[in-house]
Amino acid sequence: MNILSDVKILVTGSNGQIGTVLIDALRDRYGNENVVASDILFPEDQNGPFEILDITDSSRLQEVIQEHKITEIYHLAALLSSKGEKNIQLTWDINFNAYFQILNVAVANNIKKIFFPSTIGVFGHTTPKKDTPQFTSFIPETVYGISKYTGELWNNYFNKRYGLDIRSLRYPGVISYQSIPVGGTTDYAVEIFFEAVKHKKYECYLKADTALPMIYMPDAVKATLDLMSAPTEKVSSQSAYNLSGFSFTPAQLAKEIQKHIPDFQIFYSPDHRQQIAESWSESIDDSRARNDWSWSPNYDMAKMVEDMLANIS
């Protein structure tokens, strides 16, 4: 259903874990023809306009914006934490240099609103581990986290200098059944479900007691749409909002899965991602989002596990 016909949205990185689900939600809200998906490869299924777009190509970006008369950009294209460490320069080019180009192109083309996904990866060893506050110490320890925190700072700058309406969420680990993410430190929380259903066992690359904040995909999409549709006067953070659904350890998640698959087994073989996970928060204080634009998740861990297993099975 087309609610706002004057809104024309461009989504970059639309083939990714969040993009594949968010595209459908945006098209349900604004109409198929008003939401342009883009990525470096054509997706298997596409129900609306799609453009091949290398996000580092600013001239191609400008061309797509002008051709479709884009008014809002959801910039999802990024390399994630673990994969990003394997090619630092490429990660910086995609995660930050491309975004800086988007900000400048947005100003030049009078883009009305931008969504920038940040991450709990902006936190580091100097950040309080539990109930991490909105404003705290930021010393990220991956190029992914560094690029996203830099993006947050530029969000604030472009808002103050040019009046650009930029909205951002620090996503925790996102859990979904629609696709298996690649290259992230929290990916185990998706992989484990597919392995539990198929093989009834899973070898986890994090230690059993490694607590991390997570969110279920329906809530991640809900938070994104809620923030982007919130009145300007309700948005008090121009850098990024803390966001969380629930926190758990691999052992706690395995125990919840065993309530549905009693013979499921989990084994632990920590790798390089353990060090990344240990630099992040265990739980997040997202009270500013709750107070500003009434954020509230619909799923806890038990409800998420039940829904994941039902959909995968």
C-alpha atoms as a PDB file:
ATOM      1  CA  MET A   1       0.000   0.000   0.000  1.00  0.00           C
ATOM      2  CA  ASN A   2       1.436   3.360  -1.024  1.00  0.00           C
ATOM      3  CA  ILE A   3       1.180   5.630   2.007  1.00  0.00           C
ATOM      4  CA  LEU A   4       3.446   8.465   0.882  1.00  0.00           C
ATOM      5  CA  SER A   5       3.703   8.691  -2.910  1.00  0.00           C
ATOM      6  CA  ASP A   6       6.231  11.545  -2.758  1.00  0.00           C
ATOM      7  CA  VAL A   7       8.751   9.357  -0.914  1.00  0.00           C
ATOM      8  CA  LYS A   8      11.336   7.681  -3.175  1.00  0.00           C
ATOM      9  CA  ILE A   9      13.729   5.433  -1.288  1.00  0.00           C
ATOM     10  CA  LEU A  10      17.095   3.998  -2.340  1.00  0.00           C
ATOM     11  CA  VAL A  11      18.405   1.021  -0.353  1.00  0.00           C
ATOM     12  CA  THR A  12      22.102   0.190  -0.798  1.00  0.00           C
ATOM     13  CA  GLY A  13      23.373  -3.288   0.037  1.00  0.00           C
ATOM     14  CA  SER A  14      19.847  -4.624  -0.362  1.00  0.00           C
ATOM     15  CA  ASN A  15      21.021  -8.234  -0.854  1.00  0.00           C
ATOM     16  CA  GLY A  16      22.370  -8.430   2.699  1.00  0.00           C
ATOM     17  CA  GLN A  17      20.828  -9.976   5.810  1.00  0.00           C
ATOM     18  CA  ILE A  18      18.865  -6.881   6.844  1.00  0.00           C
ATOM     19  CA  GLY A  19      18.292  -5.524   3.338  1.00  0.00           C
ATOM     20  CA  THR A  20      16.451  -8.602   2.056  1.00  0.00           C
ATOM     21  CA  VAL A  21      13.839  -8.215   4.799  1.00  0.00           C
ATOM     22  CA  LEU A  22      13.755  -4.421   5.070  1.00  0.00           C
ATOM     23  CA  ILE A  23      13.083  -4.043   1.326  1.00  0.00           C
ATOM     24  CA  ASP A  24       9.819  -5.964   1.651  1.00  0.00           C
ATOM     25  CA  ALA A  25       8.763  -3.934   4.696  1.00  0.00           C
ATOM     26  CA  LEU A  26       9.497  -0.649   2.934  1.00  0.00           C
ATOM     27  CA  ARG A  27       7.616  -1.719  -0.200  1.00  0.00           C
ATOM     28  CA  ASP A  28       4.638  -2.770   1.897  1.00  0.00           C
ATOM     29  CA  ARG A  29       4.615   0.696   3.405  1.00  0.00           C
ATOM     30  CA  TYR A  30       5.513   2.932   0.438  1.00  0.00           C
ATOM     31  CA  GLY A  31       4.674   0.850  -2.628  1.00  0.00           C
ATOM     32  CA  ASN A  32       6.908  -1.318  -4.841  1.00  0.00           C
ATOM     33  CA  GLU A  33       7.806   1.381  -7.345  1.00  0.00           C
ATOM     34  CA  ASN A  34       8.827   3.863  -4.647  1.00  0.00           C
ATOM     35  CA  VAL A  35      11.582   1.680  -3.169  1.00  0.00           C
ATOM     36  CA  VAL A  36      14.679   1.097  -5.308  1.00  0.00           C
ATOM     37  CA  ALA A  37      16.887  -1.793  -4.223  1.00  0.00           C
ATOM     38  CA  SER A  38      20.577  -1.774  -5.168  1.00  0.00           C
ATOM     39  CA  ASP A  39      23.636  -3.978  -4.785  1.00  0.00           C
ATOM     40  CA  ILE A  40      26.605  -5.207  -6.813  1.00  0.00           C
ATOM     41  CA  LEU A  41      24.726  -8.345  -7.990  1.00  0.00           C
ATOM     42  CA  PHE A  42      21.157  -9.038  -9.058  1.00  0.00           C
ATOM     43  CA  PRO A  43      19.183 -10.919  -6.357  1.00  0.00           C
ATOM     44  CA  GLU A  44      17.418 -14.201  -7.047  1.00  0.00           C
ATOM     45  CA  ASP A  45      14.010 -12.643  -6.445  1.00  0.00           C
ATOM     46  CA  GLN A  46      13.048  -9.035  -7.083  1.00  0.00           C
ATOM     47  CA  ASN A  47       9.560  -7.568  -6.881  1.00  0.00           C
ATOM     48  CA  GLY A  48      10.383  -3.958  -7.643  1.00  0.00           C
ATOM     49  CA  PRO A  49      12.978  -1.643  -9.198  1.00  0.00           C
ATOM     50  CA  PHE A  50      16.597  -2.757  -8.805  1.00  0.00           C
ATOM     51  CA  GLU A  51      19.845  -1.079  -9.828  1.00  0.00           C
ATOM     52  CA  ILE A  52      23.357  -2.520 -10.010  1.00  0.00           C
ATOM     53  CA  LEU A  53      25.355  -0.150  -7.821  1.00  0.00           C
ATOM     54  CA  ASP A  54      28.942  -0.308  -6.593  1.00  0.00           C
ATOM     55  CA  ILE A  55      28.616   1.965  -3.593  1.00  0.00           C
ATOM     56  CA  THR A  56      32.181   3.251  -4.039  1.00  0.00           C
ATOM     57  CA  ASP A  57      31.214   4.687  -7.461  1.00  0.00           C
ATOM     58  CA  SER A  58      29.914   8.179  -6.640  1.00  0.00           C
ATOM     59  CA  SER A  59      29.021   9.047 -10.254  1.00  0.00           C
ATOM     60  CA  ARG A  60      26.848   5.932 -10.547  1.00  0.00           C
ATOM     61  CA  LEU A  61      25.262   6.793  -7.185  1.00  0.00           C
ATOM     62  CA  GLN A  62      24.427  10.277  -8.446  1.00  0.00           C
ATOM     63  CA  GLU A  63      22.973   8.789 -11.635  1.00  0.00           C
ATOM     64  CA  VAL A  64      20.655   6.418  -9.720  1.00  0.00           C
ATOM     65  CA  ILE A  65      19.507   9.180  -7.359  1.00  0.00           C
ATOM     66  CA  GLN A  66      18.642  11.531 -10.212  1.00  0.00           C
ATOM     67  CA  GLU A  67      17.048   8.865 -12.427  1.00  0.00           C
ATOM     68  CA  HIS A  68      14.661   7.721  -9.695  1.00  0.00           C
ATOM     69  CA  LYS A  69      14.232  11.138  -8.015  1.00  0.00           C
ATOM     70  CA  ILE A  70      15.355   9.660  -4.695  1.00  0.00           C
ATOM     71  CA  THR A  71      14.338  11.507  -1.504  1.00  0.00           C
ATOM     72  CA  GLU A  72      15.601   9.062   1.164  1.00  0.00           C
ATOM     73  CA  ILE A  73      18.576   6.685   1.378  1.00  0.00           C
ATOM     74  CA  TYR A  74      18.901   3.594   3.572  1.00  0.00           C
ATOM     75  CA  HIS A  75      22.623   2.844   3.404  1.00  0.00           C
ATOM     76  CA  LEU A  76      23.066  -0.825   4.354  1.00  0.00           C
ATOM     77  CA  ALA A  77      26.133  -1.715   2.256  1.00  0.00           C
ATOM     78  CA  ALA A  78      29.018  -2.750   4.542  1.00  0.00           C
ATOM     79  CA  LEU A  79      31.648  -5.368   5.315  1.00  0.00           C
ATOM     80  CA  LEU A  80      31.115  -6.860   8.780  1.00  0.00           C
ATOM     81  CA  SER A  81      33.478  -7.241  11.730  1.00  0.00           C
ATOM     82  CA  SER A  82      35.213 -10.572  11.145  1.00  0.00           C
ATOM     83  CA  LYS A  83      35.389 -10.413   7.349  1.00  0.00           C
ATOM     84  CA  GLY A  84      36.446  -6.772   7.556  1.00  0.00           C
ATOM     85  CA  GLU A  85      39.651  -7.640   9.398  1.00  0.00           C
ATOM     86  CA  LYS A  86      40.823  -9.668   6.403  1.00  0.00           C
ATOM     87  CA  ASN A  87      40.966  -6.620   4.120  1.00  0.00           C
ATOM     88  CA  ILE A  88      41.274  -3.400   6.098  1.00  0.00           C
ATOM     89  CA  GLN A  89      41.525  -1.005   3.142  1.00  0.00           C
ATOM     90  CA  LEU A  90      38.522  -2.476   1.319  1.00  0.00           C
ATOM     91  CA  THR A  91      36.479  -2.380   4.530  1.00  0.00           C
ATOM     92  CA  TRP A  92      37.349   1.276   5.088  1.00  0.00           C
ATOM     93  CA  ASP A  93      36.524   2.122   1.462  1.00  0.00           C
ATOM     94  CA  ILE A  94      33.119   0.433   1.616  1.00  0.00           C
ATOM     95  CA  ASN A  95      32.145   1.226   5.207  1.00  0.00           C
ATOM     96  CA  PHE A  96      33.360   4.795   5.418  1.00  0.00           C
ATOM     97  CA  ASN A  97      34.672   6.392   2.204  1.00  0.00           C
ATOM     98  CA  ALA A  98      31.532   5.313   0.330  1.00  0.00           C
ATOM     99  CA  TYR A  99      29.342   6.677   3.103  1.00  0.00           C
ATOM    100  CA  PHE A 100      31.167  10.014   3.095  1.00  0.00           C
ATOM    101  CA  GLN A 101      30.407  10.213  -0.647  1.00  0.00           C
ATOM    102  CA  ILE A 102      26.745   9.472   0.077  1.00  0.00           C
ATOM    103  CA  LEU A 103      26.595  12.335   2.586  1.00  0.00           C
ATOM    104  CA  ASN A 104      28.043  14.793   0.084  1.00  0.00           C
ATOM    105  CA  VAL A 105      25.851  13.565  -2.761  1.00  0.00           C
ATOM    106  CA  ALA A 106      22.840  13.794  -0.418  1.00  0.00           C
ATOM    107  CA  VAL A 107      23.546  17.462   0.304  1.00  0.00           C
ATOM    108  CA  ALA A 108      24.054  18.220  -3.398  1.00  0.00           C
ATOM    109  CA  ASN A 109      20.774  16.495  -4.350  1.00  0.00           C
ATOM    110  CA  ASN A 110      18.605  17.735  -1.474  1.00  0.00           C
ATOM    111  CA  ILE A 111      18.035  14.252  -0.029  1.00  0.00           C
ATOM    112  CA  LYS A 112      15.568  14.646   2.824  1.00  0.00           C
ATOM    113  CA  LYS A 113      16.514  11.735   5.078  1.00  0.00           C
ATOM    114  CA  ILE A 114      19.258   9.106   5.508  1.00  0.00           C
ATOM    115  CA  PHE A 115      19.369   5.890   7.531  1.00  0.00           C
ATOM    116  CA  PHE A 116      22.841   4.771   8.622  1.00  0.00           C
ATOM    117  CA  PRO A 117      23.186   1.426  10.430  1.00  0.00           C
ATOM    118  CA  SER A 118      25.771   1.581  13.185  1.00  0.00           C
ATOM    119  CA  THR A 119      26.736  -1.285  15.474  1.00  0.00           C
ATOM    120  CA  ILE A 120      27.694  -2.443  18.961  1.00  0.00           C
ATOM    121  CA  GLY A 121      31.121  -2.792  17.310  1.00  0.00           C
ATOM    122  CA  VAL A 122      31.712   0.911  18.089  1.00  0.00           C
ATOM    123  CA  PHE A 123      32.274  -0.145  21.703  1.00  0.00           C
ATOM    124  CA  GLY A 124      35.576  -1.496  23.030  1.00  0.00           C
ATOM    125  CA  HIS A 125      37.397  -2.642  26.157  1.00  0.00           C
ATOM    126  CA  THR A 126      37.032   0.786  27.776  1.00  0.00           C
ATOM    127  CA  THR A 127      33.225   0.671  27.463  1.00  0.00           C
ATOM    128  CA  PRO A 128      31.119  -0.524  30.430  1.00  0.00           C
ATOM    129  CA  LYS A 129      30.188  -4.132  29.609  1.00  0.00           C
ATOM    130  CA  LYS A 130      26.763  -4.252  31.218  1.00  0.00           C
ATOM    131  CA  ASP A 131      23.923  -1.864  30.434  1.00  0.00           C
ATOM    132  CA  THR A 132      26.217   0.095  28.125  1.00  0.00           C
ATOM    133  CA  PRO A 133      24.939   3.686  28.172  1.00  0.00           C
ATOM    134  CA  GLN A 134      24.099   5.854  25.171  1.00  0.00           C
ATOM    135  CA  PHE A 135      27.083   8.110  25.831  1.00  0.00           C
ATOM    136  CA  THR A 136      30.239   6.316  26.907  1.00  0.00           C
ATOM    137  CA  SER A 137      33.847   5.578  25.938  1.00  0.00           C
ATOM    138  CA  PHE A 138      34.252   4.639  22.276  1.00  0.00           C
ATOM    139  CA  ILE A 139      37.507   2.900  21.349  1.00  0.00           C
ATOM    140  CA  PRO A 140      36.463   0.250  18.797  1.00  0.00           C
ATOM    141  CA  GLU A 141      38.965  -2.511  18.073  1.00  0.00           C
ATOM    142  CA  THR A 142      38.025  -3.517  14.526  1.00  0.00           C
ATOM    143  CA  VAL A 143      38.081  -1.524  11.296  1.00  0.00           C
ATOM    144  CA  TYR A 144      34.343  -2.243  11.106  1.00  0.00           C
ATOM    145  CA  GLY A 145      33.778  -0.555  14.461  1.00  0.00           C
ATOM    146  CA  ILE A 146      36.153   2.315  13.652  1.00  0.00           C
ATOM    147  CA  SER A 147      34.408   3.012  10.339  1.00  0.00           C
ATOM    148  CA  LYS A 148      30.960   2.942  11.926  1.00  0.00           C
ATOM    149  CA  TYR A 149      31.935   5.236  14.798  1.00  0.00           C
ATOM    150  CA  THR A 150      33.496   7.645  12.315  1.00  0.00           C
ATOM    151  CA  GLY A 151      30.214   7.544  10.417  1.00  0.00           C
ATOM    152  CA  GLU A 152      28.349   8.436  13.620  1.00  0.00           C
ATOM    153  CA  LEU A 153      30.556  11.504  14.083  1.00  0.00           C
ATOM    154  CA  TRP A 154      29.918  12.602  10.492  1.00  0.00           C
ATOM    155  CA  ASN A 155      26.185  12.067  11.018  1.00  0.00           C
ATOM    156  CA  ASN A 156      26.277  14.660  13.762  1.00  0.00           C
ATOM    157  CA  TYR A 157      28.453  17.024  11.697  1.00  0.00           C
ATOM    158  CA  PHE A 158      26.293  16.913   8.556  1.00  0.00           C
ATOM    159  CA  ASN A 159      23.172  17.396  10.637  1.00  0.00           C
ATOM    160  CA  LYS A 160      24.564  20.456  12.393  1.00  0.00           C
ATOM    161  CA  ARG A 161      26.238  22.013   9.338  1.00  0.00           C
ATOM    162  CA  TYR A 162      23.838  21.157   6.522  1.00  0.00           C
ATOM    163  CA  GLY A 163      20.631  20.269   8.346  1.00  0.00           C
ATOM    164  CA  LEU A 164      20.695  16.748   6.878  1.00  0.00           C
ATOM    165  CA  ASP A 165      18.196  14.507   8.680  1.00  0.00           C
ATOM    166  CA  ILE A 166      20.292  11.416   9.478  1.00  0.00           C
ATOM    167  CA  ARG A 167      19.028   8.642  11.724  1.00  0.00           C
ATOM    168  CA  SER A 168      21.036   5.707  12.985  1.00  0.00           C
ATOM    169  CA  LEU A 169      20.778   2.611  15.178  1.00  0.00           C
ATOM    170  CA  ARG A 170      23.596   0.701  16.860  1.00  0.00           C
ATOM    171  CA  TYR A 171      22.385  -2.738  15.830  1.00  0.00           C
ATOM    172  CA  PRO A 172      23.305  -5.634  18.113  1.00  0.00           C
ATOM    173  CA  GLY A 173      23.621  -9.099  16.576  1.00  0.00           C
ATOM    174  CA  VAL A 174      20.655  -9.571  14.224  1.00  0.00           C
ATOM    175  CA  ILE A 175      19.008 -13.012  14.140  1.00  0.00           C
ATOM    176  CA  SER A 176      16.940 -14.082  11.126  1.00  0.00           C
ATOM    177  CA  TYR A 177      15.861 -17.192   9.235  1.00  0.00           C
ATOM    178  CA  GLN A 178      15.634 -15.554   5.777  1.00  0.00           C
ATOM    179  CA  SER A 179      19.398 -15.769   5.179  1.00  0.00           C
ATOM    180  CA  ILE A 180      22.605 -16.787   6.897  1.00  0.00           C
ATOM    181  CA  PRO A 181      24.890 -13.757   7.411  1.00  0.00           C
ATOM    182  CA  VAL A 182      28.563 -13.941   6.464  1.00  0.00           C
ATOM    183  CA  GLY A 183      31.532 -12.261   8.102  1.00  0.00           C
ATOM    184  CA  GLY A 184      30.064 -11.152  11.438  1.00  0.00           C
ATOM    185  CA  THR A 185      31.032 -12.037  14.996  1.00  0.00           C
ATOM    186  CA  THR A 186      27.430 -12.720  16.066  1.00  0.00           C
ATOM    187  CA  ASP A 187      26.669 -14.987  13.075  1.00  0.00           C
ATOM    188  CA  TYR A 188      26.727 -18.076  15.308  1.00  0.00           C
ATOM    189  CA  ALA A 189      23.318 -17.065  16.657  1.00  0.00           C
ATOM    190  CA  VAL A 190      21.862 -17.697  13.183  1.00  0.00           C
ATOM    191  CA  GLU A 191      24.040 -20.629  12.089  1.00  0.00           C
ATOM    192  CA  ILE A 192      23.161 -22.616  15.221  1.00  0.00           C
ATOM    193  CA  PHE A 193      19.484 -22.875  14.259  1.00  0.00           C
ATOM    194  CA  PHE A 194      20.126 -24.289  10.787  1.00  0.00           C
ATOM    195  CA  GLU A 195      22.636 -26.790  12.182  1.00  0.00           C
ATOM    196  CA  ALA A 196      20.268 -27.763  15.003  1.00  0.00           C
ATOM    197  CA  VAL A 197      17.460 -28.535  12.557  1.00  0.00           C
ATOM    198  CA  LYS A 198      19.661 -30.295   9.964  1.00  0.00           C
ATOM    199  CA  HIS A 199      22.303 -32.081  12.050  1.00  0.00           C
ATOM    200  CA  LYS A 200      21.259 -31.662  15.713  1.00  0.00           C
ATOM    201  CA  LYS A 201      24.723 -30.404  16.611  1.00  0.00           C
ATOM    202  CA  TYR A 202      26.758 -27.223  16.271  1.00  0.00           C
ATOM    203  CA  GLU A 203      30.406 -26.281  16.767  1.00  0.00           C
ATOM    204  CA  CYS A 204      30.490 -22.737  18.142  1.00  0.00           C
ATOM    205  CA  TYR A 205      33.438 -20.381  17.521  1.00  0.00           C
ATOM    206  CA  LEU A 206      32.755 -18.465  20.765  1.00  0.00           C
ATOM    207  CA  LYS A 207      33.139 -19.651  24.360  1.00  0.00           C
ATOM    208  CA  ALA A 208      30.065 -20.971  26.131  1.00  0.00           C
ATOM    209  CA  ASP A 209      29.774 -18.011  28.507  1.00  0.00           C
ATOM    210  CA  THR A 210      30.262 -15.176  25.973  1.00  0.00           C
ATOM    211  CA  ALA A 211      27.261 -12.895  26.459  1.00  0.00           C
ATOM    212  CA  LEU A 212      26.321 -10.553  23.606  1.00  0.00           C
ATOM    213  CA  PRO A 213      23.290  -8.321  22.907  1.00  0.00           C
ATOM    214  CA  MET A 214      21.010  -9.541  20.123  1.00  0.00           C
ATOM    215  CA  ILE A 215      17.784  -8.641  18.352  1.00  0.00           C
ATOM    216  CA  TYR A 216      15.330 -10.648  16.236  1.00  0.00           C
ATOM    217  CA  MET A 217      14.877  -9.461  12.655  1.00  0.00           C
ATOM    218  CA  PRO A 218      11.194  -8.420  12.974  1.00  0.00           C
ATOM    219  CA  ASP A 219      12.206  -6.142  15.840  1.00  0.00           C
ATOM    220  CA  ALA A 220      15.253  -4.806  13.952  1.00  0.00           C
ATOM    221  CA  VAL A 221      13.001  -3.850  11.031  1.00  0.00           C
ATOM    222  CA  LYS A 222      10.364  -2.436  13.391  1.00  0.00           C
ATOM    223  CA  ALA A 223      12.968  -0.260  15.138  1.00  0.00           C
ATOM    224  CA  THR A 224      14.311   0.998  11.800  1.00  0.00           C
ATOM    225  CA  LEU A 225      10.875   1.963  10.491  1.00  0.00           C
ATOM    226  CA  ASP A 226       9.823   3.472  13.830  1.00  0.00           C
ATOM    227  CA  LEU A 227      12.931   5.654  13.998  1.00  0.00           C
ATOM    228  CA  MET A 228      12.698   6.772  10.380  1.00  0.00           C
ATOM    229  CA  SER A 229       9.026   7.716  10.736  1.00  0.00           C
ATOM    230  CA  ALA A 230       9.409   9.451  14.116  1.00  0.00           C
ATOM    231  CA  PRO A 231       8.751  13.222  14.139  1.00  0.00           C
ATOM    232  CA  THR A 232      11.964  15.244  13.947  1.00  0.00           C
ATOM    233  CA  GLU A 233      11.338  16.775  17.370  1.00  0.00           C
ATOM    234  CA  LYS A 234      11.343  13.268  18.908  1.00  0.00           C
ATOM    235  CA  VAL A 235      14.844  12.452  17.600  1.00  0.00           C
ATOM    236  CA  SER A 236      17.395  13.739  20.111  1.00  0.00           C
ATOM    237  CA  SER A 237      20.413  11.752  18.876  1.00  0.00           C
ATOM    238  CA  GLN A 238      21.890  12.776  15.531  1.00  0.00           C
ATOM    239  CA  SER A 239      24.782  10.292  15.817  1.00  0.00           C
ATOM    240  CA  ALA A 240      23.150   6.928  16.668  1.00  0.00           C
ATOM    241  CA  TYR A 241      20.787   5.283  19.142  1.00  0.00           C
ATOM    242  CA  ASN A 242      21.591   2.301  21.326  1.00  0.00           C
ATOM    243  CA  LEU A 243      19.293  -0.619  20.490  1.00  0.00           C
ATOM    244  CA  SER A 244      18.748  -4.034  21.997  1.00  0.00           C
ATOM    245  CA  GLY A 245      16.272  -6.877  22.202  1.00  0.00           C
ATOM    246  CA  PHE A 246      17.857  -9.331  24.634  1.00  0.00           C
ATOM    247  CA  SER A 247      21.259 -10.743  25.616  1.00  0.00           C
ATOM    248  CA  PHE A 248      22.404 -14.364  25.923  1.00  0.00           C
ATOM    249  CA  THR A 249      25.429 -16.671  25.826  1.00  0.00           C
ATOM    250  CA  PRO A 250      25.880 -19.579  23.392  1.00  0.00           C
ATOM    251  CA  ALA A 251      25.192 -21.972  26.286  1.00  0.00           C
ATOM    252  CA  GLN A 252      21.933 -20.215  27.165  1.00  0.00           C
ATOM    253  CA  LEU A 253      20.808 -20.235  23.532  1.00  0.00           C
ATOM    254  CA  ALA A 254      21.652 -23.940  23.189  1.00  0.00           C
ATOM    255  CA  LYS A 255      19.644 -24.731  26.322  1.00  0.00           C
ATOM    256  CA  GLU A 256      16.605 -22.912  24.902  1.00  0.00           C
ATOM    257  CA  ILE A 257      16.936 -24.782  21.590  1.00  0.00           C
ATOM    258  CA  GLN A 258      17.121 -28.091  23.496  1.00  0.00           C
ATOM    259  CA  LYS A 259      13.617 -27.426  24.847  1.00  0.00           C
ATOM    260  CA  HIS A 260      12.439 -27.953  21.248  1.00  0.00           C
ATOM    261  CA  ILE A 261      15.177 -30.349  20.013  1.00  0.00           C
ATOM    262  CA  PRO A 262      16.166 -32.390  23.103  1.00  0.00           C
ATOM    263  CA  ASP A 263      19.036 -34.279  21.431  1.00  0.00           C
ATOM    264  CA  PHE A 264      20.716 -31.110  20.106  1.00  0.00           C
ATOM    265  CA  GLN A 265      24.379 -30.843  21.144  1.00  0.00           C
ATOM    266  CA  ILE A 266      26.766 -27.880  21.124  1.00  0.00           C
ATOM    267  CA  PHE A 267      30.570 -27.947  21.102  1.00  0.00           C
ATOM    268  CA  TYR A 268      33.003 -25.059  21.502  1.00  0.00           C
ATOM    269  CA  SER A 269      36.088 -24.233  19.431  1.00  0.00           C
ATOM    270  CA  PRO A 270      36.818 -20.509  19.982  1.00  0.00           C
ATOM    271  CA  ASP A 271      38.631 -18.772  17.114  1.00  0.00           C
ATOM    272  CA  HIS A 272      39.715 -15.199  16.279  1.00  0.00           C
ATOM    273  CA  ARG A 273      36.130 -13.963  16.697  1.00  0.00           C
ATOM    274  CA  GLN A 274      36.303 -14.631  20.437  1.00  0.00           C
ATOM    275  CA  GLN A 275      38.660 -11.680  20.891  1.00  0.00           C
ATOM    276  CA  ILE A 276      36.309  -9.403  18.958  1.00  0.00           C
ATOM    277  CA  ALA A 277      33.317 -10.540  21.020  1.00  0.00           C
ATOM    278  CA  GLU A 278      35.182  -9.896  24.262  1.00  0.00           C
ATOM    279  CA  SER A 279      35.693  -6.250  23.277  1.00  0.00           C
ATOM    280  CA  TRP A 280      31.937  -5.700  22.909  1.00  0.00           C
ATOM    281  CA  SER A 281      29.149  -5.120  25.399  1.00  0.00           C
ATOM    282  CA  GLU A 282      27.217  -7.873  27.162  1.00  0.00           C
ATOM    283  CA  SER A 283      24.007  -5.845  27.459  1.00  0.00           C
ATOM    284  CA  ILE A 284      22.777  -2.475  26.191  1.00  0.00           C
ATOM    285  CA  ASP A 285      20.862   0.387  27.796  1.00  0.00           C
ATOM    286  CA  ASP A 286      18.522   1.591  25.045  1.00  0.00           C
ATOM    287  CA  SER A 287      16.374   3.785  27.310  1.00  0.00           C
ATOM    288  CA  ARG A 288      16.913   6.875  25.139  1.00  0.00           C
ATOM    289  CA  ALA A 289      15.272   5.138  22.160  1.00  0.00           C
ATOM    290  CA  ARG A 290      12.463   3.949  24.432  1.00  0.00           C
ATOM    291  CA  ASN A 291      11.910   7.454  25.794  1.00  0.00           C
ATOM    292  CA  ASP A 292      12.322   9.392  22.528  1.00  0.00           C
ATOM    293  CA  TRP A 293      10.265   7.372  20.043  1.00  0.00           C
ATOM    294  CA  SER A 294       8.686   4.638  22.204  1.00  0.00           C
ATOM    295  CA  TRP A 295      10.942   1.777  21.110  1.00  0.00           C
ATOM    296  CA  SER A 296       9.964  -1.594  22.560  1.00  0.00           C
ATOM    297  CA  PRO A 297      10.829  -5.073  21.203  1.00  0.00           C
ATOM    298  CA  ASN A 298       8.119  -7.665  20.622  1.00  0.00           C
ATOM    299  CA  TYR A 299      10.396 -10.694  21.032  1.00  0.00           C
ATOM    300  CA  ASP A 300      12.327 -12.129  23.970  1.00  0.00           C
ATOM    301  CA  MET A 301      14.789 -15.014  23.549  1.00  0.00           C
ATOM    302  CA  ALA A 302      12.235 -17.796  24.114  1.00  0.00           C
ATOM    303  CA  LYS A 303       9.739 -16.368  21.621  1.00  0.00           C
ATOM    304  CA  MET A 304      12.534 -15.796  19.083  1.00  0.00           C
ATOM    305  CA  VAL A 305      13.810 -19.387  19.370  1.00  0.00           C
ATOM    306  CA  GLU A 306      10.321 -20.819  18.885  1.00  0.00           C
ATOM    307  CA  ASP A 307       9.712 -18.680  15.793  1.00  0.00           C
ATOM    308  CA  MET A 308      13.139 -19.365  14.264  1.00  0.00           C
ATOM    309  CA  LEU A 309      12.750 -23.137  14.575  1.00  0.00           C
ATOM    310  CA  ALA A 310       9.197 -23.064  13.227  1.00  0.00           C
ATOM    311  CA  ASN A 311      10.251 -21.115  10.122  1.00  0.00           C
ATOM    312  CA  ILE A 312      13.429 -23.102   9.427  1.00  0.00           C
ATOM    313  CA  SER A 313      11.703 -26.465   9.941  1.00  0.00           C
END
